[in-house]
Amino acid sequence: MIPVFINDRLVSVEPGVAAGIAVAAASAEWGSALAEGRAYLTDGRGIRLDPDSPLGAGAIIRVIVSARQSAPETDAHP
């Protein structure tokens, strides 16, 4: 197991685990937000990170959750 940092949490994961899986291990809420497109990931430098990116020991991941609500779907038949 290797240590990775996700926001304010230290999480132990298997080497090479996908960032999205590590996020879900840290918080089910963050994992859901990421899966639903309401959140995205950045590395410790603020560069956007693909959820499928493999992580190494000491990785720093930030979960950015959008405060904006998605627009309601419009009715195709008014």
Protein backbone atom coordinates (compact mmCIF):
# COMPACT_ATOMS: atom_id res chain seq x y z
CA MET A 1 0.00 0.00 0.00
CA ILE A 2 1.13 3.56 -0.71
CA PRO A 3 0.04 6.86 0.84
CA VAL A 4 -1.76 9.45 -1.30
CA PHE A 5 -3.30 12.72 -0.20
CA ILE A 6 -6.81 13.62 -1.35
CA ASN A 7 -7.85 17.10 -0.26
CA ASP A 8 -7.34 16.93 3.52
CA ARG A 9 -7.22 13.14 3.81
CA LEU A 10 -4.44 10.60 3.80
CA VAL A 11 -5.52 7.41 2.03
CA SER A 12 -3.60 4.15 1.60
CA VAL A 13 -4.11 2.54 -1.81
CA GLU A 14 -2.49 -0.06 -4.04
CA PRO A 15 0.39 1.27 -6.19
CA GLY A 16 -0.83 2.42 -9.60
CA VAL A 17 -4.50 2.68 -8.60
CA ALA A 18 -6.58 5.07 -10.72
CA ALA A 19 -7.09 8.52 -9.20
CA GLY A 20 -10.89 8.19 -9.40
CA ILE A 21 -10.82 4.95 -7.40
CA ALA A 22 -8.63 6.55 -4.74
CA VAL A 23 -11.05 9.49 -4.53
CA ALA A 24 -14.01 7.15 -4.03
CA ALA A 25 -12.04 5.33 -1.30
CA ALA A 26 -11.48 8.65 0.49
CA SER A 27 -15.13 9.75 0.26
CA ALA A 28 -18.19 8.16 -1.30
CA GLU A 29 -19.62 11.66 -1.82
CA TRP A 30 -16.55 12.79 -3.78
CA GLY A 31 -16.63 9.56 -5.79
CA SER A 32 -20.28 10.12 -6.71
CA ALA A 33 -19.70 13.76 -7.63
CA LEU A 34 -16.79 12.73 -9.87
CA ALA A 35 -18.78 9.95 -11.55
CA GLU A 36 -21.74 12.28 -12.14
CA GLY A 37 -19.58 15.03 -13.65
CA ARG A 38 -20.15 17.43 -10.75
CA ALA A 39 -16.48 17.32 -9.79
CA TYR A 40 -13.07 17.09 -11.41
CA LEU A 41 -9.57 16.35 -10.19
CA THR A 42 -6.34 18.33 -10.18
CA ASP A 43 -2.86 17.38 -9.08
CA GLY A 44 -0.96 19.26 -6.38
CA ARG A 45 0.02 21.95 -8.92
CA GLY A 46 -3.57 22.61 -9.98
CA ILE A 47 -3.26 20.83 -13.32
CA ARG A 48 -6.38 18.90 -14.31
CA LEU A 49 -6.01 15.16 -13.87
CA ASP A 50 -7.83 12.34 -15.64
CA PRO A 51 -9.65 10.08 -13.15
CA ASP A 52 -8.01 7.08 -14.85
CA SER A 53 -4.49 8.37 -14.17
CA PRO A 54 -2.42 5.94 -12.10
CA LEU A 55 -1.12 7.25 -8.78
CA GLY A 56 2.27 6.89 -7.17
CA ALA A 57 3.32 7.19 -3.54
CA GLY A 58 2.77 10.66 -2.11
CA ALA A 59 0.47 11.85 -4.89
CA ILE A 60 -1.56 14.94 -4.02
CA ILE A 61 -5.05 15.08 -5.51
CA ARG A 62 -7.58 17.87 -5.19
CA VAL A 63 -11.27 17.17 -5.72
CA ILE A 64 -13.01 20.24 -7.11
CA VAL A 65 -16.78 20.01 -6.68
CA SER A 66 -18.88 22.50 -8.62
CA ALA A 67 -21.35 24.54 -6.60
CA ARG A 68 -23.38 25.16 -9.73
CA GLN A 69 -26.46 23.09 -10.36
CA SER A 70 -26.88 21.76 -13.86
CA ALA A 71 -29.57 23.43 -15.90
CA PRO A 72 -32.88 21.58 -15.91
CA GLU A 73 -33.55 19.60 -19.05
CA THR A 74 -35.96 21.21 -21.47
CA ASP A 75 -39.04 19.40 -22.59
CA ALA A 76 -38.75 18.27 -26.20
CA HIS A 77 -42.51 18.69 -26.60
CA PRO A 78 -43.70 22.01 -25.15
